[in-house]
N, C-alpha and C. Protein backbone atom coordinates (compact mmCIF):
# COMPACT_ATOMS: atom_id res chain seq x y z
N UNK A 1 158.57 -32.07 -95.84
CA UNK A 1 158.88 -33.25 -95.08
C UNK A 1 159.89 -32.92 -93.98
N UNK A 2 160.95 -32.19 -94.32
CA UNK A 2 161.96 -31.83 -93.32
C UNK A 2 161.34 -30.95 -92.24
N UNK A 3 160.53 -29.98 -92.67
CA UNK A 3 159.87 -29.09 -91.72
C UNK A 3 158.97 -29.85 -90.77
N UNK A 4 158.23 -30.82 -91.30
CA UNK A 4 157.33 -31.62 -90.46
C UNK A 4 158.13 -32.45 -89.45
N UNK A 5 159.22 -33.05 -89.91
CA UNK A 5 160.07 -33.82 -88.99
C UNK A 5 160.66 -32.93 -87.91
N UNK A 6 161.16 -31.77 -88.32
CA UNK A 6 161.75 -30.84 -87.35
C UNK A 6 160.72 -30.35 -86.34
N UNK A 7 159.49 -30.12 -86.81
CA UNK A 7 158.44 -29.65 -85.90
C UNK A 7 158.05 -30.74 -84.90
N UNK A 8 157.95 -31.96 -85.38
CA UNK A 8 157.55 -33.07 -84.51
C UNK A 8 158.67 -33.50 -83.58
N UNK A 9 159.91 -33.45 -84.09
CA UNK A 9 161.07 -33.88 -83.32
C UNK A 9 162.12 -32.77 -83.34
N UNK A 10 161.95 -31.76 -82.48
CA UNK A 10 162.83 -30.59 -82.50
C UNK A 10 164.32 -30.91 -82.35
N UNK A 11 164.63 -32.00 -81.73
CA UNK A 11 166.04 -32.38 -81.55
C UNK A 11 166.61 -33.20 -82.69
N UNK A 12 165.80 -33.46 -83.71
CA UNK A 12 166.26 -34.29 -84.83
C UNK A 12 167.41 -33.61 -85.55
N UNK A 13 168.34 -34.41 -85.97
CA UNK A 13 169.49 -33.91 -86.73
C UNK A 13 169.40 -34.54 -88.11
N UNK A 14 168.87 -33.79 -89.04
CA UNK A 14 168.54 -34.29 -90.37
C UNK A 14 169.67 -33.99 -91.35
N UNK A 15 170.05 -35.02 -92.11
CA UNK A 15 171.04 -34.88 -93.17
C UNK A 15 170.36 -35.28 -94.48
N UNK A 16 170.40 -34.39 -95.44
CA UNK A 16 169.81 -34.65 -96.76
C UNK A 16 170.90 -35.17 -97.68
N UNK A 17 170.61 -36.26 -98.39
CA UNK A 17 171.50 -36.78 -99.43
C UNK A 17 170.68 -36.79 -100.71
N UNK A 18 171.12 -36.01 -101.70
CA UNK A 18 170.29 -35.79 -102.88
C UNK A 18 171.14 -35.50 -104.11
N UNK A 19 170.49 -35.44 -105.26
CA UNK A 19 171.17 -35.05 -106.50
C UNK A 19 170.99 -33.56 -106.78
N UNK A 20 170.15 -32.88 -106.01
CA UNK A 20 169.82 -31.47 -106.24
C UNK A 20 170.90 -30.56 -105.64
N UNK A 21 171.66 -29.90 -106.52
CA UNK A 21 172.77 -29.06 -106.07
C UNK A 21 172.45 -27.58 -106.15
N UNK A 22 171.25 -27.22 -106.60
CA UNK A 22 170.90 -25.80 -106.73
C UNK A 22 170.83 -25.12 -105.37
N UNK A 23 171.24 -23.86 -105.34
CA UNK A 23 171.28 -23.15 -104.06
C UNK A 23 169.90 -23.00 -103.44
N UNK A 24 168.85 -22.96 -104.25
CA UNK A 24 167.50 -22.86 -103.69
C UNK A 24 167.14 -24.15 -102.94
N UNK A 25 167.53 -25.31 -103.49
CA UNK A 25 167.25 -26.59 -102.83
C UNK A 25 167.98 -26.67 -101.49
N UNK A 26 169.24 -26.24 -101.48
CA UNK A 26 170.01 -26.24 -100.24
C UNK A 26 169.37 -25.29 -99.23
N UNK A 27 169.02 -24.09 -99.69
CA UNK A 27 168.41 -23.09 -98.82
C UNK A 27 167.12 -23.62 -98.20
N UNK A 28 166.25 -24.20 -99.03
CA UNK A 28 164.97 -24.70 -98.52
C UNK A 28 165.18 -25.81 -97.49
N UNK A 29 166.13 -26.70 -97.75
CA UNK A 29 166.39 -27.80 -96.81
C UNK A 29 166.91 -27.27 -95.48
N UNK A 30 167.87 -26.37 -95.54
CA UNK A 30 168.46 -25.82 -94.31
C UNK A 30 167.42 -24.99 -93.57
N UNK A 31 166.65 -24.19 -94.30
CA UNK A 31 165.61 -23.38 -93.66
C UNK A 31 164.57 -24.28 -92.97
N UNK A 32 164.30 -25.45 -93.55
CA UNK A 32 163.32 -26.36 -92.97
C UNK A 32 163.87 -27.12 -91.76
N UNK A 33 165.21 -27.10 -91.59
CA UNK A 33 165.77 -27.75 -90.41
C UNK A 33 166.87 -28.76 -90.66
N UNK A 34 167.27 -28.97 -91.91
CA UNK A 34 168.36 -29.91 -92.18
C UNK A 34 169.66 -29.38 -91.61
N UNK A 35 170.43 -30.24 -91.00
CA UNK A 35 171.74 -29.86 -90.43
C UNK A 35 172.87 -30.23 -91.38
N UNK A 36 172.56 -31.10 -92.34
CA UNK A 36 173.56 -31.50 -93.32
C UNK A 36 172.92 -31.62 -94.69
N UNK A 37 173.73 -31.39 -95.72
CA UNK A 37 173.23 -31.47 -97.09
C UNK A 37 174.38 -31.99 -97.94
N UNK A 38 174.21 -33.21 -98.43
CA UNK A 38 175.26 -33.86 -99.21
C UNK A 38 174.72 -34.28 -100.56
N UNK A 39 175.60 -34.29 -101.54
CA UNK A 39 175.19 -34.72 -102.87
C UNK A 39 175.38 -36.23 -103.02
N UNK A 40 174.44 -36.84 -103.74
CA UNK A 40 174.50 -38.27 -103.99
C UNK A 40 175.86 -38.57 -104.63
N UNK A 41 176.45 -39.66 -104.25
CA UNK A 41 177.75 -40.00 -104.77
C UNK A 41 178.88 -39.61 -103.82
N UNK A 42 178.50 -39.02 -102.68
CA UNK A 42 179.49 -38.67 -101.67
C UNK A 42 180.18 -39.95 -101.21
N UNK A 43 181.47 -39.86 -100.94
CA UNK A 43 182.21 -41.06 -100.51
C UNK A 43 181.71 -41.51 -99.14
N UNK A 44 181.88 -42.78 -98.87
CA UNK A 44 181.47 -43.33 -97.57
C UNK A 44 182.21 -42.62 -96.44
N UNK A 45 183.47 -42.31 -96.65
CA UNK A 45 184.27 -41.61 -95.63
C UNK A 45 183.70 -40.23 -95.36
N UNK A 46 183.34 -39.48 -96.43
CA UNK A 46 182.77 -38.14 -96.24
C UNK A 46 181.39 -38.20 -95.62
N UNK A 47 180.62 -39.23 -95.98
CA UNK A 47 179.29 -39.40 -95.38
C UNK A 47 179.41 -39.65 -93.88
N UNK A 48 180.30 -40.54 -93.50
CA UNK A 48 180.49 -40.83 -92.07
C UNK A 48 180.98 -39.58 -91.32
N UNK A 49 181.89 -38.83 -91.93
CA UNK A 49 182.39 -37.61 -91.29
C UNK A 49 181.25 -36.60 -91.11
N UNK A 50 180.40 -36.48 -92.12
CA UNK A 50 179.27 -35.55 -92.04
C UNK A 50 178.30 -35.99 -90.96
N UNK A 51 178.00 -37.26 -90.90
CA UNK A 51 177.09 -37.77 -89.86
C UNK A 51 177.66 -37.53 -88.46
N UNK A 52 178.94 -37.75 -88.30
CA UNK A 52 179.57 -37.50 -87.00
C UNK A 52 179.49 -36.01 -86.63
N UNK A 53 179.74 -35.16 -87.61
CA UNK A 53 179.68 -33.71 -87.38
C UNK A 53 178.28 -33.29 -86.94
N UNK A 54 177.28 -33.78 -87.66
CA UNK A 54 175.89 -33.42 -87.34
C UNK A 54 175.48 -33.99 -85.99
N UNK A 55 175.86 -35.23 -85.70
CA UNK A 55 175.54 -35.82 -84.40
C UNK A 55 176.20 -35.07 -83.24
N UNK A 56 177.34 -34.44 -83.53
CA UNK A 56 178.04 -33.67 -82.51
C UNK A 56 177.48 -32.26 -82.37
N UNK A 57 176.44 -31.94 -83.18
CA UNK A 57 175.80 -30.64 -83.08
C UNK A 57 176.21 -29.64 -84.14
N UNK A 58 177.07 -30.05 -85.05
CA UNK A 58 177.52 -29.15 -86.11
C UNK A 58 176.67 -29.25 -87.37
N UNK A 59 177.17 -28.62 -88.40
CA UNK A 59 176.52 -28.66 -89.72
C UNK A 59 177.50 -29.29 -90.70
N UNK A 60 176.94 -29.98 -91.69
CA UNK A 60 177.78 -30.63 -92.70
C UNK A 60 177.24 -30.27 -94.08
N UNK A 61 177.85 -29.26 -94.67
CA UNK A 61 177.49 -28.82 -96.02
C UNK A 61 178.80 -28.62 -96.78
N UNK A 62 179.00 -29.31 -97.90
CA UNK A 62 180.25 -29.15 -98.66
C UNK A 62 180.50 -27.68 -99.00
N UNK A 63 181.76 -27.32 -99.08
CA UNK A 63 182.16 -25.92 -99.28
C UNK A 63 181.47 -25.30 -100.50
N UNK A 64 181.45 -26.01 -101.63
CA UNK A 64 180.86 -25.43 -102.84
C UNK A 64 179.37 -25.16 -102.67
N UNK A 65 178.67 -26.01 -101.93
CA UNK A 65 177.26 -25.78 -101.67
C UNK A 65 177.08 -24.67 -100.64
N UNK A 66 177.95 -24.62 -99.65
CA UNK A 66 177.87 -23.56 -98.64
C UNK A 66 178.11 -22.19 -99.27
N UNK A 67 179.01 -22.11 -100.25
CA UNK A 67 179.25 -20.85 -100.94
C UNK A 67 178.01 -20.41 -101.72
N UNK A 68 177.38 -21.38 -102.40
CA UNK A 68 176.13 -21.06 -103.12
C UNK A 68 175.05 -20.62 -102.14
N UNK A 69 174.97 -21.31 -101.02
CA UNK A 69 173.97 -20.97 -100.01
C UNK A 69 174.22 -19.56 -99.48
N UNK A 70 175.46 -19.22 -99.25
CA UNK A 70 175.79 -17.87 -98.77
C UNK A 70 175.36 -16.83 -99.81
N UNK A 71 175.60 -17.13 -101.08
CA UNK A 71 175.15 -16.23 -102.15
C UNK A 71 173.64 -16.12 -102.19
N UNK A 72 172.99 -17.22 -101.96
CA UNK A 72 171.52 -17.25 -101.95
C UNK A 72 170.97 -16.42 -100.81
N UNK A 73 171.61 -16.47 -99.67
CA UNK A 73 171.15 -15.72 -98.51
C UNK A 73 171.32 -14.23 -98.69
N UNK A 74 172.24 -13.83 -99.56
CA UNK A 74 172.45 -12.40 -99.81
C UNK A 74 171.41 -11.83 -100.77
N UNK A 75 170.74 -12.68 -101.55
CA UNK A 75 169.76 -12.21 -102.52
C UNK A 75 168.40 -12.08 -101.88
N UNK A 76 167.60 -11.21 -102.45
CA UNK A 76 166.21 -11.10 -102.01
C UNK A 76 165.46 -12.36 -102.46
N UNK A 77 164.56 -12.84 -101.65
CA UNK A 77 163.72 -13.97 -102.02
C UNK A 77 162.72 -13.53 -103.08
N UNK A 78 162.41 -14.44 -103.98
CA UNK A 78 161.33 -14.19 -104.92
C UNK A 78 160.03 -14.54 -104.22
N UNK A 79 159.01 -13.72 -104.39
CA UNK A 79 157.72 -14.04 -103.80
C UNK A 79 156.97 -15.01 -104.71
N UNK A 80 155.84 -15.50 -104.26
CA UNK A 80 155.08 -16.50 -105.03
C UNK A 80 154.69 -15.98 -106.41
N UNK A 81 154.28 -14.72 -106.47
CA UNK A 81 153.90 -14.14 -107.76
C UNK A 81 155.08 -14.14 -108.73
N UNK A 82 156.25 -13.75 -108.24
CA UNK A 82 157.43 -13.71 -109.10
C UNK A 82 157.83 -15.10 -109.59
N UNK A 83 157.69 -16.10 -108.76
CA UNK A 83 157.98 -17.47 -109.18
C UNK A 83 156.97 -17.91 -110.23
N UNK A 84 155.70 -17.55 -110.06
CA UNK A 84 154.68 -17.88 -111.06
C UNK A 84 155.00 -17.21 -112.38
N UNK A 85 155.39 -15.95 -112.33
CA UNK A 85 155.76 -15.21 -113.54
C UNK A 85 156.97 -15.87 -114.20
N UNK A 86 157.93 -16.28 -113.40
CA UNK A 86 159.12 -16.93 -113.92
C UNK A 86 158.77 -18.23 -114.65
N UNK A 87 157.86 -19.01 -114.09
CA UNK A 87 157.44 -20.24 -114.76
C UNK A 87 156.77 -19.94 -116.10
N UNK A 88 155.99 -18.86 -116.14
CA UNK A 88 155.33 -18.48 -117.38
C UNK A 88 156.33 -17.95 -118.41
N UNK A 89 157.34 -17.24 -117.95
CA UNK A 89 158.41 -16.80 -118.85
C UNK A 89 159.10 -18.02 -119.44
N UNK A 90 159.36 -19.02 -118.60
CA UNK A 90 160.03 -20.25 -119.05
C UNK A 90 159.20 -20.97 -120.11
N UNK A 91 157.89 -20.78 -120.08
CA UNK A 91 157.01 -21.38 -121.09
C UNK A 91 157.00 -20.55 -122.37
N UNK A 92 157.64 -19.38 -122.34
CA UNK A 92 157.72 -18.55 -123.53
C UNK A 92 156.62 -17.52 -123.66
N UNK A 93 155.89 -17.24 -122.59
CA UNK A 93 154.78 -16.30 -122.66
C UNK A 93 155.26 -14.86 -122.65
N UNK A 94 154.54 -14.00 -123.36
CA UNK A 94 154.80 -12.57 -123.37
C UNK A 94 154.19 -11.94 -122.13
N UNK A 95 154.49 -10.66 -121.90
CA UNK A 95 153.89 -9.95 -120.76
C UNK A 95 152.37 -9.95 -120.86
N UNK A 96 151.86 -9.75 -122.05
CA UNK A 96 150.40 -9.76 -122.26
C UNK A 96 149.81 -11.11 -121.88
N UNK A 97 150.45 -12.19 -122.34
CA UNK A 97 149.97 -13.54 -122.04
C UNK A 97 150.10 -13.86 -120.55
N UNK A 98 151.19 -13.40 -119.94
CA UNK A 98 151.36 -13.60 -118.50
C UNK A 98 150.24 -12.89 -117.75
N UNK A 99 149.95 -11.65 -118.15
CA UNK A 99 148.86 -10.90 -117.53
C UNK A 99 147.54 -11.63 -117.63
N UNK A 100 147.26 -12.16 -118.82
CA UNK A 100 146.00 -12.89 -119.02
C UNK A 100 145.94 -14.14 -118.14
N UNK A 101 147.04 -14.88 -118.07
CA UNK A 101 147.07 -16.11 -117.26
C UNK A 101 146.88 -15.82 -115.77
N UNK A 102 147.47 -14.72 -115.31
CA UNK A 102 147.42 -14.39 -113.89
C UNK A 102 146.29 -13.42 -113.54
N UNK A 103 145.51 -13.04 -114.56
CA UNK A 103 144.38 -12.12 -114.37
C UNK A 103 144.84 -10.78 -113.80
N UNK A 104 145.92 -10.28 -114.39
CA UNK A 104 146.46 -8.97 -114.02
C UNK A 104 146.69 -8.17 -115.30
N UNK A 105 146.87 -6.88 -115.16
CA UNK A 105 147.12 -6.03 -116.32
C UNK A 105 148.49 -6.34 -116.92
N UNK A 106 148.62 -6.10 -118.21
CA UNK A 106 149.91 -6.31 -118.88
C UNK A 106 151.01 -5.48 -118.23
N UNK A 107 150.69 -4.23 -117.85
CA UNK A 107 151.69 -3.38 -117.19
C UNK A 107 152.11 -3.96 -115.84
N UNK A 108 151.18 -4.59 -115.12
CA UNK A 108 151.51 -5.23 -113.85
C UNK A 108 152.42 -6.42 -114.08
N UNK A 109 152.12 -7.19 -115.13
CA UNK A 109 152.98 -8.32 -115.48
C UNK A 109 154.38 -7.83 -115.82
N UNK A 110 154.45 -6.75 -116.58
CA UNK A 110 155.75 -6.17 -116.94
C UNK A 110 156.50 -5.74 -115.68
N UNK A 111 155.81 -5.12 -114.74
CA UNK A 111 156.40 -4.69 -113.48
C UNK A 111 156.95 -5.89 -112.71
N UNK A 112 156.18 -7.00 -112.68
CA UNK A 112 156.63 -8.22 -112.01
C UNK A 112 157.88 -8.79 -112.67
N UNK A 113 157.91 -8.78 -114.00
CA UNK A 113 159.08 -9.28 -114.74
C UNK A 113 160.30 -8.42 -114.40
N UNK A 114 160.13 -7.12 -114.43
CA UNK A 114 161.23 -6.21 -114.12
C UNK A 114 161.76 -6.45 -112.71
N UNK A 115 160.85 -6.64 -111.74
CA UNK A 115 161.26 -6.88 -110.37
C UNK A 115 162.03 -8.17 -110.20
N UNK A 116 161.57 -9.25 -110.85
CA UNK A 116 162.28 -10.51 -110.67
C UNK A 116 163.61 -10.51 -111.41
N UNK A 117 163.70 -9.80 -112.54
CA UNK A 117 164.99 -9.67 -113.22
C UNK A 117 166.00 -8.96 -112.31
N UNK A 118 165.54 -7.93 -111.62
CA UNK A 118 166.41 -7.20 -110.71
C UNK A 118 166.84 -8.08 -109.53
N UNK A 119 165.90 -8.82 -108.94
CA UNK A 119 166.23 -9.67 -107.80
C UNK A 119 167.22 -10.77 -108.19
N UNK A 120 167.05 -11.33 -109.39
CA UNK A 120 167.95 -12.38 -109.85
C UNK A 120 169.25 -11.83 -110.43
N UNK A 121 169.27 -10.50 -110.62
CA UNK A 121 170.40 -9.85 -111.30
C UNK A 121 170.61 -10.46 -112.67
N UNK A 122 169.49 -10.67 -113.37
CA UNK A 122 169.51 -11.27 -114.69
C UNK A 122 169.53 -10.19 -115.76
N UNK A 123 170.22 -10.48 -116.86
CA UNK A 123 170.34 -9.52 -117.96
C UNK A 123 169.05 -9.44 -118.78
N UNK A 124 168.36 -10.57 -118.88
CA UNK A 124 167.14 -10.62 -119.66
C UNK A 124 166.30 -11.81 -119.21
N UNK A 125 165.18 -12.03 -119.88
CA UNK A 125 164.25 -13.09 -119.50
C UNK A 125 164.90 -14.47 -119.60
N UNK A 126 165.64 -14.71 -120.66
CA UNK A 126 166.30 -16.01 -120.84
C UNK A 126 167.31 -16.25 -119.73
N UNK A 127 168.07 -15.23 -119.40
CA UNK A 127 169.05 -15.34 -118.32
C UNK A 127 168.36 -15.63 -116.99
N UNK A 128 167.21 -15.00 -116.77
CA UNK A 128 166.45 -15.22 -115.53
C UNK A 128 166.02 -16.69 -115.42
N UNK A 129 165.52 -17.24 -116.51
CA UNK A 129 165.08 -18.64 -116.50
C UNK A 129 166.28 -19.56 -116.27
N UNK A 130 167.39 -19.27 -116.95
CA UNK A 130 168.60 -20.08 -116.78
C UNK A 130 169.08 -20.05 -115.33
N UNK A 131 169.12 -18.86 -114.74
CA UNK A 131 169.53 -18.75 -113.33
C UNK A 131 168.57 -19.50 -112.42
N UNK A 132 167.28 -19.34 -112.66
CA UNK A 132 166.28 -20.00 -111.82
C UNK A 132 166.38 -21.51 -111.91
N UNK A 133 166.63 -22.04 -113.10
CA UNK A 133 166.80 -23.48 -113.26
C UNK A 133 168.07 -23.94 -112.54
N UNK A 134 169.14 -23.22 -112.72
CA UNK A 134 170.42 -23.57 -112.10
C UNK A 134 170.33 -23.54 -110.58
N UNK A 135 169.63 -22.54 -110.05
CA UNK A 135 169.52 -22.39 -108.60
C UNK A 135 168.43 -23.26 -107.99
N UNK A 136 167.61 -23.89 -108.83
CA UNK A 136 166.55 -24.75 -108.31
C UNK A 136 165.30 -24.01 -107.89
N UNK A 137 165.15 -22.75 -108.32
CA UNK A 137 163.94 -21.99 -108.01
C UNK A 137 162.76 -22.59 -108.77
N UNK A 138 163.00 -22.99 -110.01
CA UNK A 138 162.01 -23.71 -110.80
C UNK A 138 162.71 -24.93 -111.39
N UNK A 139 161.93 -25.91 -111.80
CA UNK A 139 162.52 -27.03 -112.52
C UNK A 139 161.69 -27.32 -113.76
N UNK A 140 162.28 -28.04 -114.68
CA UNK A 140 161.63 -28.27 -115.97
C UNK A 140 160.31 -29.01 -115.85
N UNK A 141 160.16 -29.85 -114.83
CA UNK A 141 158.91 -30.58 -114.65
C UNK A 141 157.75 -29.65 -114.31
N UNK A 142 158.06 -28.48 -113.70
CA UNK A 142 157.02 -27.52 -113.35
C UNK A 142 156.59 -26.68 -114.55
N UNK A 143 157.39 -26.70 -115.59
CA UNK A 143 157.17 -25.83 -116.73
C UNK A 143 156.62 -26.66 -117.88
N UNK A 144 155.31 -26.59 -118.06
CA UNK A 144 154.72 -27.30 -119.18
C UNK A 144 154.79 -26.40 -120.41
N UNK A 145 155.41 -26.89 -121.44
CA UNK A 145 155.56 -26.08 -122.65
C UNK A 145 154.25 -26.07 -123.42
N UNK A 146 154.00 -24.93 -124.04
CA UNK A 146 152.75 -24.85 -124.79
C UNK A 146 152.91 -25.35 -126.18
């Protein structure tokens, strides 16, 4: 939606107000063209200040979200395959089951798991899922449990 608005109205100054605080959500919004990103519950005074900043050509992202965003920008992006593998890990699937679901060899699935663990700097599969949920890379609604 933000990307479509930015494409149609290149001069638009978009401010997102949401409950999603994960660094992936902030990254996606800013990458799509949002100039501001605020969390729901922001005070009226802070909202007005943010709107004024954005209207003046600046950006309005709270410090804690900007720090997460900076951390997100330093990490390698997960590709579509790695996100798919991550969702399957979150469902509790083994490498063999992931391979079967994605129509790839078990060794290829294992390679994908190893790569995404490295990109997320996760200690193990559970840590990877926890990080991905926290950062907004995946959400529980996308993960149907078996």
